[in-house]
Amino acid sequence: MLKIAVIGGRETVMGFKALGLDTYPVADAQEAHKVLRAITKEDQNYAIIYIEENLAEQLSAEINKFKDVPTPAIILIPGREGPLGLGQSALKAAVERAVGTNILGD
């Protein structure tokens, strides 16, 4: 069975725990990197991994390894500081790759 995970600060991930998702509260990007490597092993079966934007900014090299594979889909979410725009930029780039043009506008 495929699973969904959330990596981020404690305040960000706790709401997702109530929804039944696997949550991984981390203190910094180094800890997030270790968690991401552990949960992206083949035997983990994660279809979607949500990562807090402020952590994803520092994990871009690791995240980019998954941009052309169907699973896991890595989706950036805003943290408690609010959106940084990284999630929207990533979505826009993915749509452009899939469709061949920017259909979302600026």
PDB file of N, CA and C in Angstrom:
ATOM      1  N   MET A   1       0.841  -1.184   0.000  1.00  0.00           N
ATOM      2  CA  MET A   1       0.000   0.000   0.000  1.00  0.00           C
ATOM      3  C   MET A   1       0.885   1.246   0.000  1.00  0.00           C
ATOM      4  N   LEU A   2       0.556   2.207  -0.838  1.00  0.00           N
ATOM      5  CA  LEU A   2       1.329   3.433  -0.917  1.00  0.00           C
ATOM      6  C   LEU A   2       0.973   4.363   0.243  1.00  0.00           C
ATOM      7  N   LYS A   3       1.987   5.115   0.694  1.00  0.00           N
ATOM      8  CA  LYS A   3       1.815   5.980   1.856  1.00  0.00           C
ATOM      9  C   LYS A   3       2.128   7.426   1.502  1.00  0.00           C
ATOM     10  N   ILE A   4       1.749   8.325   2.423  1.00  0.00           N
ATOM     11  CA  ILE A   4       2.034   9.750   2.292  1.00  0.00           C
ATOM     12  C   ILE A   4       2.792  10.197   3.532  1.00  0.00           C
ATOM     13  N   ALA A   5       3.860  10.984   3.314  1.00  0.00           N
ATOM     14  CA  ALA A   5       4.681  11.472   4.423  1.00  0.00           C
ATOM     15  C   ALA A   5       4.757  12.991   4.389  1.00  0.00           C
ATOM     16  N   VAL A   6       5.005  13.567   5.568  1.00  0.00           N
ATOM     17  CA  VAL A   6       5.191  15.013   5.694  1.00  0.00           C
ATOM     18  C   VAL A   6       6.461  15.249   6.507  1.00  0.00           C
ATOM     19  N   ILE A   7       7.378  16.051   5.945  1.00  0.00           N
ATOM     20  CA  ILE A   7       8.615  16.405   6.632  1.00  0.00           C
ATOM     21  C   ILE A   7       8.597  17.907   6.871  1.00  0.00           C
ATOM     22  N   GLY A   8       8.810  18.296   8.109  1.00  0.00           N
ATOM     23  CA  GLY A   8       8.834  19.730   8.417  1.00  0.00           C
ATOM     24  C   GLY A   8       8.988  19.973   9.898  1.00  0.00           C
ATOM     25  N   GLY A   9       8.866  21.216  10.276  1.00  0.00           N
ATOM     26  CA  GLY A   9       8.916  21.575  11.685  1.00  0.00           C
ATOM     27  C   GLY A   9       7.745  20.972  12.439  1.00  0.00           C
ATOM     28  N   ARG A  10       7.907  20.797  13.724  1.00  0.00           N
ATOM     29  CA  ARG A  10       6.871  20.177  14.548  1.00  0.00           C
ATOM     30  C   ARG A  10       5.513  20.856  14.372  1.00  0.00           C
ATOM     31  N   GLU A  11       5.480  22.184  14.359  1.00  0.00           N
ATOM     32  CA  GLU A  11       4.224  22.913  14.240  1.00  0.00           C
ATOM     33  C   GLU A  11       3.542  22.647  12.897  1.00  0.00           C
ATOM     34  N   THR A  12       4.336  22.440  11.873  1.00  0.00           N
ATOM     35  CA  THR A  12       3.797  22.204  10.533  1.00  0.00           C
ATOM     36  C   THR A  12       3.240  20.796  10.385  1.00  0.00           C
ATOM     37  N   VAL A  13       3.948  19.799  10.874  1.00  0.00           N
ATOM     38  CA  VAL A  13       3.548  18.411  10.603  1.00  0.00           C
ATOM     39  C   VAL A  13       2.460  17.871  11.513  1.00  0.00           C
ATOM     40  N   MET A  14       2.267  18.444  12.673  1.00  0.00           N
ATOM     41  CA  MET A  14       1.310  17.873  13.614  1.00  0.00           C
ATOM     42  C   MET A  14      -0.128  17.871  13.101  1.00  0.00           C
ATOM     43  N   GLY A  15      -0.510  18.862  12.332  1.00  0.00           N
ATOM     44  CA  GLY A  15      -1.851  18.869  11.752  1.00  0.00           C
ATOM     45  C   GLY A  15      -2.059  17.712  10.787  1.00  0.00           C
ATOM     46  N   PHE A  16      -1.013  17.340  10.093  1.00  0.00           N
ATOM     47  CA  PHE A  16      -1.095  16.235   9.138  1.00  0.00           C
ATOM     48  C   PHE A  16      -1.187  14.895   9.862  1.00  0.00           C
ATOM     49  N   LYS A  17      -0.613  14.815  11.046  1.00  0.00           N
ATOM     50  CA  LYS A  17      -0.688  13.575  11.830  1.00  0.00           C
ATOM     51  C   LYS A  17      -2.140  13.246  12.156  1.00  0.00           C
ATOM     52  N   ALA A  18      -2.924  14.285  12.441  1.00  0.00           N
ATOM     53  CA  ALA A  18      -4.343  14.087  12.745  1.00  0.00           C
ATOM     54  C   ALA A  18      -5.103  13.522  11.549  1.00  0.00           C
ATOM     55  N   LEU A  19      -4.585  13.731  10.353  1.00  0.00           N
ATOM     56  CA  LEU A  19      -5.213  13.203   9.142  1.00  0.00           C
ATOM     57  C   LEU A  19      -4.761  11.779   8.823  1.00  0.00           C
ATOM     58  N   GLY A  20      -3.828  11.254   9.610  1.00  0.00           N
ATOM     59  CA  GLY A  20      -3.360   9.888   9.417  1.00  0.00           C
ATOM     60  C   GLY A  20      -2.141   9.747   8.523  1.00  0.00           C
ATOM     61  N   LEU A  21      -1.501  10.851   8.170  1.00  0.00           N
ATOM     62  CA  LEU A  21      -0.296  10.788   7.355  1.00  0.00           C
ATOM     63  C   LEU A  21       0.904  10.479   8.250  1.00  0.00           C
ATOM     64  N   ASP A  22       1.949   9.916   7.660  1.00  0.00           N
ATOM     65  CA  ASP A  22       3.190   9.675   8.394  1.00  0.00           C
ATOM     66  C   ASP A  22       3.921  11.005   8.518  1.00  0.00           C
ATOM     67  N   THR A  23       4.204  11.412   9.733  1.00  0.00           N
ATOM     68  CA  THR A  23       4.833  12.717   9.945  1.00  0.00           C
ATOM     69  C   THR A  23       6.240  12.553  10.493  1.00  0.00           C
ATOM     70  N   TYR A  24       7.108  13.450  10.032  1.00  0.00           N
ATOM     71  CA  TYR A  24       8.505  13.443  10.446  1.00  0.00           C
ATOM     72  C   TYR A  24       8.898  14.854  10.863  1.00  0.00           C
ATOM     73  N   PRO A  25       8.693  15.186  12.136  1.00  0.00           N
ATOM     74  CA  PRO A  25       9.119  16.511  12.604  1.00  0.00           C
ATOM     75  C   PRO A  25      10.642  16.565  12.688  1.00  0.00           C
ATOM     76  N   VAL A  26      11.217  17.612  12.110  1.00  0.00           N
ATOM     77  CA  VAL A  26      12.668  17.772  12.104  1.00  0.00           C
ATOM     78  C   VAL A  26      13.022  19.173  12.596  1.00  0.00           C
ATOM     79  N   ALA A  27      14.235  19.294  13.108  1.00  0.00           N
ATOM     80  CA  ALA A  27      14.692  20.574  13.647  1.00  0.00           C
ATOM     81  C   ALA A  27      15.422  21.415  12.607  1.00  0.00           C
ATOM     82  N   ASP A  28      16.049  20.752  11.614  1.00  0.00           N
ATOM     83  CA  ASP A  28      16.837  21.501  10.630  1.00  0.00           C
ATOM     84  C   ASP A  28      16.953  20.709   9.328  1.00  0.00           C
ATOM     85  N   ALA A  29      17.593  21.332   8.345  1.00  0.00           N
ATOM     86  CA  ALA A  29      17.719  20.711   7.020  1.00  0.00           C
ATOM     87  C   ALA A  29      18.572  19.446   7.045  1.00  0.00           C
ATOM     88  N   GLN A  30      19.555  19.397   7.910  1.00  0.00           N
ATOM     89  CA  GLN A  30      20.402  18.205   7.994  1.00  0.00           C
ATOM     90  C   GLN A  30      19.574  16.995   8.443  1.00  0.00           C
ATOM     91  N   GLU A  31      18.749  17.200   9.440  1.00  0.00           N
ATOM     92  CA  GLU A  31      17.876  16.129   9.919  1.00  0.00           C
ATOM     93  C   GLU A  31      16.842  15.765   8.842  1.00  0.00           C
ATOM     94  N   ALA A  32      16.324  16.765   8.141  1.00  0.00           N
ATOM     95  CA  ALA A  32      15.359  16.524   7.064  1.00  0.00           C
ATOM     96  C   ALA A  32      16.004  15.697   5.949  1.00  0.00           C
ATOM     97  N   HIS A  33      17.263  15.966   5.658  1.00  0.00           N
ATOM     98  CA  HIS A  33      17.985  15.218   4.629  1.00  0.00           C
ATOM     99  C   HIS A  33      18.081  13.743   5.004  1.00  0.00           C
ATOM    100  N   LYS A  34      18.399  13.464   6.250  1.00  0.00           N
ATOM    101  CA  LYS A  34      18.488  12.070   6.714  1.00  0.00           C
ATOM    102  C   LYS A  34      17.138  11.371   6.600  1.00  0.00           C
ATOM    103  N   VAL A  35      16.075  12.066   7.001  1.00  0.00           N
ATOM    104  CA  VAL A  35      14.732  11.483   6.925  1.00  0.00           C
ATOM    105  C   VAL A  35      14.350  11.230   5.475  1.00  0.00           C
ATOM    106  N   LEU A  36      14.598  12.208   4.608  1.00  0.00           N
ATOM    107  CA  LEU A  36      14.251  12.058   3.188  1.00  0.00           C
ATOM    108  C   LEU A  36      14.967  10.863   2.578  1.00  0.00           C
ATOM    109  N   ARG A  37      16.241  10.700   2.871  1.00  0.00           N
ATOM    110  CA  ARG A  37      16.988   9.546   2.337  1.00  0.00           C
ATOM    111  C   ARG A  37      16.409   8.228   2.859  1.00  0.00           C
ATOM    112  N   ALA A  38      16.017   8.212   4.125  1.00  0.00           N
ATOM    113  CA  ALA A  38      15.485   6.983   4.714  1.00  0.00           C
ATOM    114  C   ALA A  38      14.127   6.609   4.125  1.00  0.00           C
ATOM    115  N   ILE A  39      13.272   7.593   3.913  1.00  0.00           N
ATOM    116  CA  ILE A  39      11.911   7.260   3.454  1.00  0.00           C
ATOM    117  C   ILE A  39      11.797   7.144   1.945  1.00  0.00           C
ATOM    118  N   THR A  40      12.860   7.428   1.211  1.00  0.00           N
ATOM    119  CA  THR A  40      12.799   7.257  -0.243  1.00  0.00           C
ATOM    120  C   THR A  40      13.455   5.963  -0.700  1.00  0.00           C
ATOM    121  N   LYS A  41      13.806   5.117   0.236  1.00  0.00           N
ATOM    122  CA  LYS A  41      14.312   3.793  -0.143  1.00  0.00           C
ATOM    123  C   LYS A  41      13.163   2.999  -0.751  1.00  0.00           C
ATOM    124  N   GLU A  42      13.481   2.105  -1.656  1.00  0.00           N
ATOM    125  CA  GLU A  42      12.460   1.369  -2.413  1.00  0.00           C
ATOM    126  C   GLU A  42      11.444   0.641  -1.544  1.00  0.00           C
ATOM    127  N   ASP A  43      11.846   0.132  -0.416  1.00  0.00           N
ATOM    128  CA  ASP A  43      10.937  -0.649   0.415  1.00  0.00           C
ATOM    129  C   ASP A  43       9.968   0.197   1.245  1.00  0.00           C
ATOM    130  N   GLN A  44      10.059   1.521   1.159  1.00  0.00           N
ATOM    131  CA  GLN A  44       9.217   2.385   1.979  1.00  0.00           C
ATOM    132  C   GLN A  44       7.844   2.683   1.371  1.00  0.00           C
ATOM    133  N   ASN A  45       7.711   2.620   0.060  1.00  0.00           N
ATOM    134  CA  ASN A  45       6.421   2.776  -0.627  1.00  0.00           C
ATOM    135  C   ASN A  45       5.705   4.097  -0.385  1.00  0.00           C
ATOM    136  N   TYR A  46       6.421   5.194  -0.412  1.00  0.00           N
ATOM    137  CA  TYR A  46       5.772   6.501  -0.299  1.00  0.00           C
ATOM    138  C   TYR A  46       5.430   7.008  -1.689  1.00  0.00           C
ATOM    139  N   ALA A  47       4.153   7.342  -1.901  1.00  0.00           N
ATOM    140  CA  ALA A  47       3.711   7.896  -3.176  1.00  0.00           C
ATOM    141  C   ALA A  47       3.892   9.398  -3.189  1.00  0.00           C
ATOM    142  N   ILE A  48       3.659  10.036  -2.045  1.00  0.00           N
ATOM    143  CA  ILE A  48       3.753  11.492  -1.935  1.00  0.00           C
ATOM    144  C   ILE A  48       4.541  11.844  -0.684  1.00  0.00           C
ATOM    145  N   ILE A  49       5.445  12.797  -0.832  1.00  0.00           N
ATOM    146  CA  ILE A  49       6.182  13.323   0.315  1.00  0.00           C
ATOM    147  C   ILE A  49       6.043  14.837   0.284  1.00  0.00           C
ATOM    148  N   TYR A  50       5.401  15.370   1.311  1.00  0.00           N
ATOM    149  CA  TYR A  50       5.291  16.815   1.464  1.00  0.00           C
ATOM    150  C   TYR A  50       6.493  17.288   2.274  1.00  0.00           C
ATOM    151  N   ILE A  51       7.140  18.357   1.810  1.00  0.00           N
ATOM    152  CA  ILE A  51       8.291  18.909   2.522  1.00  0.00           C
ATOM    153  C   ILE A  51       8.082  20.405   2.703  1.00  0.00           C
ATOM    154  N   GLU A  52       8.333  20.871   3.899  1.00  0.00           N
ATOM    155  CA  GLU A  52       8.213  22.290   4.195  1.00  0.00           C
ATOM    156  C   GLU A  52       9.198  23.081   3.330  1.00  0.00           C
ATOM    157  N   GLU A  53       8.710  24.179   2.754  1.00  0.00           N
ATOM    158  CA  GLU A  53       9.507  24.960   1.802  1.00  0.00           C
ATOM    159  C   GLU A  53      10.864  25.404   2.345  1.00  0.00           C
ATOM    160  N   ASN A  54      10.903  25.880   3.570  1.00  0.00           N
ATOM    161  CA  ASN A  54      12.180  26.391   4.088  1.00  0.00           C
ATOM    162  C   ASN A  54      13.227  25.294   4.190  1.00  0.00           C
ATOM    163  N   LEU A  55      12.817  24.052   4.384  1.00  0.00           N
ATOM    164  CA  LEU A  55      13.754  22.922   4.398  1.00  0.00           C
ATOM    165  C   LEU A  55      14.103  22.507   2.972  1.00  0.00           C
ATOM    166  N   ALA A  56      13.113  22.508   2.112  1.00  0.00           N
ATOM    167  CA  ALA A  56      13.309  22.095   0.725  1.00  0.00           C
ATOM    168  C   ALA A  56      14.309  22.988   0.013  1.00  0.00           C
ATOM    169  N   GLU A  57      14.340  24.239   0.394  1.00  0.00           N
ATOM    170  CA  GLU A  57      15.277  25.186  -0.205  1.00  0.00           C
ATOM    171  C   GLU A  57      16.717  24.689  -0.047  1.00  0.00           C
ATOM    172  N   GLN A  58      17.007  24.064   1.082  1.00  0.00           N
ATOM    173  CA  GLN A  58      18.353  23.572   1.367  1.00  0.00           C
ATOM    174  C   GLN A  58      18.562  22.133   0.903  1.00  0.00           C
ATOM    175  N   LEU A  59      17.491  21.479   0.469  1.00  0.00           N
ATOM    176  CA  LEU A  59      17.558  20.081   0.022  1.00  0.00           C
ATOM    177  C   LEU A  59      17.329  19.958  -1.481  1.00  0.00           C
ATOM    178  N   SER A  60      17.500  21.037  -2.211  1.00  0.00           N
ATOM    179  CA  SER A  60      17.132  21.045  -3.629  1.00  0.00           C
ATOM    180  C   SER A  60      17.857  19.966  -4.435  1.00  0.00           C
ATOM    181  N   ALA A  61      19.115  19.710  -4.154  1.00  0.00           N
ATOM    182  CA  ALA A  61      19.853  18.683  -4.901  1.00  0.00           C
ATOM    183  C   ALA A  61      19.240  17.302  -4.686  1.00  0.00           C
ATOM    184  N   GLU A  62      18.887  16.997  -3.468  1.00  0.00           N
ATOM    185  CA  GLU A  62      18.280  15.699  -3.152  1.00  0.00           C
ATOM    186  C   GLU A  62      16.872  15.602  -3.762  1.00  0.00           C
ATOM    187  N   ILE A  63      16.107  16.675  -3.680  1.00  0.00           N
ATOM    188  CA  ILE A  63      14.744  16.686  -4.210  1.00  0.00           C
ATOM    189  C   ILE A  63      14.749  16.554  -5.732  1.00  0.00           C
ATOM    190  N   ASN A  64      15.708  17.183  -6.390  1.00  0.00           N
ATOM    191  CA  ASN A  64      15.779  17.141  -7.858  1.00  0.00           C
ATOM    192  C   ASN A  64      15.975  15.731  -8.398  1.00  0.00           C
ATOM    193  N   LYS A  65      16.481  14.822  -7.584  1.00  0.00           N
ATOM    194  CA  LYS A  65      16.653  13.436  -8.021  1.00  0.00           C
ATOM    195  C   LYS A  65      15.309  12.775  -8.336  1.00  0.00           C
ATOM    196  N   PHE A  66      14.233  13.326  -7.784  1.00  0.00           N
ATOM    197  CA  PHE A  66      12.915  12.704  -7.921  1.00  0.00           C
ATOM    198  C   PHE A  66      11.992  13.436  -8.885  1.00  0.00           C
ATOM    199  N   LYS A  67      12.484  14.482  -9.549  1.00  0.00           N
ATOM    200  CA  LYS A  67      11.589  15.283 -10.382  1.00  0.00           C
ATOM    201  C   LYS A  67      11.135  14.559 -11.644  1.00  0.00           C
ATOM    202  N   ASP A  68      11.859  13.564 -12.104  1.00  0.00           N
ATOM    203  CA  ASP A  68      11.490  12.862 -13.329  1.00  0.00           C
ATOM    204  C   ASP A  68      11.017  11.429 -13.095  1.00  0.00           C
ATOM    205  N   VAL A  69      10.716  11.089 -11.863  1.00  0.00           N
ATOM    206  CA  VAL A  69      10.199   9.750 -11.567  1.00  0.00           C
ATOM    207  C   VAL A  69       8.769   9.882 -11.040  1.00  0.00           C
ATOM    208  N   PRO A  70       7.943   8.878 -11.298  1.00  0.00           N
ATOM    209  CA  PRO A  70       6.537   8.997 -10.879  1.00  0.00           C
ATOM    210  C   PRO A  70       6.333   8.982  -9.362  1.00  0.00           C
ATOM    211  N   THR A  71       7.104   8.178  -8.662  1.00  0.00           N
ATOM    212  CA  THR A  71       6.965   8.163  -7.203  1.00  0.00           C
ATOM    213  C   THR A  71       8.332   8.137  -6.565  1.00  0.00           C
ATOM    214  N   PRO A  72       8.508   8.781  -5.479  1.00  0.00           N
ATOM    215  CA  PRO A  72       7.515   9.598  -4.799  1.00  0.00           C
ATOM    216  C   PRO A  72       7.405  10.982  -5.432  1.00  0.00           C
ATOM    217  N   ALA A  73       6.198  11.515  -5.416  1.00  0.00           N
ATOM    218  CA  ALA A  73       5.991  12.903  -5.831  1.00  0.00           C
ATOM    219  C   ALA A  73       6.346  13.766  -4.621  1.00  0.00           C
ATOM    220  N   ILE A  74       7.249  14.699  -4.817  1.00  0.00           N
ATOM    221  CA  ILE A  74       7.646  15.568  -3.712  1.00  0.00           C
ATOM    222  C   ILE A  74       6.979  16.917  -3.914  1.00  0.00           C
ATOM    223  N   ILE A  75       6.189  17.298  -2.933  1.00  0.00           N
ATOM    224  CA  ILE A  75       5.404  18.523  -3.015  1.00  0.00           C
ATOM    225  C   ILE A  75       5.817  19.438  -1.882  1.00  0.00           C
ATOM    226  N   LEU A  76       6.116  20.672  -2.224  1.00  0.00           N
ATOM    227  CA  LEU A  76       6.545  21.648  -1.226  1.00  0.00           C
ATOM    228  C   LEU A  76       5.340  22.353  -0.630  1.00  0.00           C
ATOM    229  N   ILE A  77       5.360  22.482   0.686  1.00  0.00           N
ATOM    230  CA  ILE A  77       4.265  23.148   1.385  1.00  0.00           C
ATOM    231  C   ILE A  77       4.825  24.292   2.226  1.00  0.00           C
ATOM    232  N   PRO A  78       4.027  25.335   2.433  1.00  0.00           N
ATOM    233  CA  PRO A  78       4.510  26.442   3.261  1.00  0.00           C
ATOM    234  C   PRO A  78       4.616  26.022   4.725  1.00  0.00           C
ATOM    235  N   GLY A  79       5.556  26.623   5.413  1.00  0.00           N
ATOM    236  CA  GLY A  79       5.704  26.395   6.843  1.00  0.00           C
ATOM    237  C   GLY A  79       4.902  27.434   7.616  1.00  0.00           C
ATOM    238  N   ARG A  80       5.136  27.516   8.886  1.00  0.00           N
ATOM    239  CA  ARG A  80       4.348  28.453   9.684  1.00  0.00           C
ATOM    240  C   ARG A  80       4.730  29.900   9.413  1.00  0.00           C
ATOM    241  N   GLU A  81       5.882  30.143   8.753  1.00  0.00           N
ATOM    242  CA  GLU A  81       6.274  31.508   8.379  1.00  0.00           C
ATOM    243  C   GLU A  81       5.485  32.005   7.185  1.00  0.00           C
ATOM    244  N   GLY A  82       4.799  31.118   6.499  1.00  0.00           N
ATOM    245  CA  GLY A  82       4.070  31.473   5.298  1.00  0.00           C
ATOM    246  C   GLY A  82       4.794  30.972   4.061  1.00  0.00           C
ATOM    247  N   PRO A  83       4.185  31.139   2.904  1.00  0.00           N
ATOM    248  CA  PRO A  83       4.784  30.625   1.669  1.00  0.00           C
ATOM    249  C   PRO A  83       6.017  31.414   1.248  1.00  0.00           C
ATOM    250  N   LEU A  84       6.994  30.681   0.709  1.00  0.00           N
ATOM    251  CA  LEU A  84       8.195  31.296   0.163  1.00  0.00           C
ATOM    252  C   LEU A  84       8.133  31.369  -1.361  1.00  0.00           C
ATOM    253  N   GLY A  85       7.126  30.740  -1.958  1.00  0.00           N
ATOM    254  CA  GLY A  85       6.974  30.732  -3.407  1.00  0.00           C
ATOM    255  C   GLY A  85       7.660  29.560  -4.089  1.00  0.00           C
ATOM    256  N   LEU A  86       8.385  28.744  -3.335  1.00  0.00           N
ATOM    257  CA  LEU A  86       9.103  27.611  -3.934  1.00  0.00           C
ATOM    258  C   LEU A  86       8.143  26.544  -4.446  1.00  0.00           C
ATOM    259  N   GLY A  87       7.081  26.284  -3.699  1.00  0.00           N
ATOM    260  CA  GLY A  87       6.104  25.276  -4.110  1.00  0.00           C
ATOM    261  C   GLY A  87       5.420  25.668  -5.401  1.00  0.00           C
ATOM    262  N   GLN A  88       5.047  26.926  -5.507  1.00  0.00           N
ATOM    263  CA  GLN A  88       4.391  27.413  -6.719  1.00  0.00           C
ATOM    264  C   GLN A  88       5.348  27.352  -7.907  1.00  0.00           C
ATOM    265  N   SER A  89       6.600  27.712  -7.697  1.00  0.00           N
ATOM    266  CA  SER A  89       7.597  27.654  -8.767  1.00  0.00           C
ATOM    267  C   SER A  89       7.819  26.216  -9.232  1.00  0.00           C
ATOM    268  N   ALA A  90       7.883  25.284  -8.285  1.00  0.00           N
ATOM    269  CA  ALA A  90       8.074  23.876  -8.633  1.00  0.00           C
ATOM    270  C   ALA A  90       6.882  23.337  -9.418  1.00  0.00           C
ATOM    271  N   LEU A  91       5.677  23.711  -9.017  1.00  0.00           N
ATOM    272  CA  LEU A  91       4.478  23.275  -9.727  1.00  0.00           C
ATOM    273  C   LEU A  91       4.464  23.831 -11.148  1.00  0.00           C
ATOM    274  N   LYS A  92       4.796  25.087 -11.274  1.00  0.00           N
ATOM    275  CA  LYS A  92       4.832  25.729 -12.584  1.00  0.00           C
ATOM    276  C   LYS A  92       5.843  25.024 -13.503  1.00  0.00           C
ATOM    277  N   ALA A  93       7.026  24.705 -12.974  1.00  0.00           N
ATOM    278  CA  ALA A  93       8.052  24.018 -13.768  1.00  0.00           C
ATOM    279  C   ALA A  93       7.585  22.623 -14.176  1.00  0.00           C
ATOM    280  N   ALA A  94       6.915  21.910 -13.273  1.00  0.00           N
ATOM    281  CA  ALA A  94       6.427  20.560 -13.582  1.00  0.00           C
ATOM    282  C   ALA A  94       5.367  20.599 -14.677  1.00  0.00           C
ATOM    283  N   VAL A  95       4.479  21.579 -14.607  1.00  0.00           N
ATOM    284  CA  VAL A  95       3.436  21.707 -15.622  1.00  0.00           C
ATOM    285  C   VAL A  95       4.058  22.054 -16.973  1.00  0.00           C
ATOM    286  N   GLU A  96       5.045  22.932 -16.979  1.00  0.00           N
ATOM    287  CA  GLU A  96       5.716  23.282 -18.230  1.00  0.00           C
ATOM    288  C   GLU A  96       6.397  22.071 -18.854  1.00  0.00           C
ATOM    289  N   ARG A  97       7.039  21.230 -18.003  1.00  0.00           N
ATOM    290  CA  ARG A  97       7.677  20.015 -18.524  1.00  0.00           C
ATOM    291  C   ARG A  97       6.638  19.067 -19.114  1.00  0.00           C
ATOM    292  N   ALA A  98       5.498  18.932 -18.442  1.00  0.00           N
ATOM    293  CA  ALA A  98       4.472  17.987 -18.881  1.00  0.00           C
ATOM    294  C   ALA A  98       3.735  18.473 -20.117  1.00  0.00           C
ATOM    295  N   VAL A  99       3.411  19.751 -20.165  1.00  0.00           N
ATOM    296  CA  VAL A  99       2.574  20.286 -21.235  1.00  0.00           C
ATOM    297  C   VAL A  99       3.409  20.900 -22.351  1.00  0.00           C
ATOM    298  N   GLY A 100       4.566  21.406 -22.019  1.00  0.00           N
ATOM    299  CA  GLY A 100       5.425  22.024 -23.018  1.00  0.00           C
ATOM    300  C   GLY A 100       5.346  23.535 -23.060  1.00  0.00           C
ATOM    301  N   THR A 101       4.446  24.106 -22.274  1.00  0.00           N
ATOM    302  CA  THR A 101       4.305  25.551 -22.211  1.00  0.00           C
ATOM    303  C   THR A 101       3.706  25.952 -20.860  1.00  0.00           C
ATOM    304  N   ASN A 102       3.841  27.209 -20.520  1.00  0.00           N
ATOM    305  CA  ASN A 102       3.288  27.697 -19.260  1.00  0.00           C
ATOM    306  C   ASN A 102       1.813  27.992 -19.427  1.00  0.00           C
ATOM    307  N   ILE A 103       0.967  27.137 -18.865  1.00  0.00           N
ATOM    308  CA  ILE A 103      -0.474  27.343 -18.949  1.00  0.00           C
ATOM    309  C   ILE A 103      -1.041  27.939 -17.669  1.00  0.00           C
ATOM    310  N   LEU A 104      -0.200  28.113 -16.663  1.00  0.00           N
ATOM    311  CA  LEU A 104      -0.659  28.641 -15.373  1.00  0.00           C
ATOM    312  C   LEU A 104      -0.587  30.159 -15.287  1.00  0.00           C
ATOM    313  N   GLY A 105       0.111  30.785 -16.202  1.00  0.00           N
ATOM    314  CA  GLY A 105       0.263  32.239 -16.150  1.00  0.00           C
ATOM    315  C   GLY A 105       1.315  32.630 -15.135  1.00  0.00           C
ATOM    316  N   ASP A 106       1.482  33.933 -14.968  1.00  0.00           N
ATOM    317  CA  ASP A 106       2.512  34.429 -14.049  1.00  0.00           C
ATOM    318  C   ASP A 106       2.001  34.578 -12.653  1.00  0.00           C
TER     319      ASP A 106
END
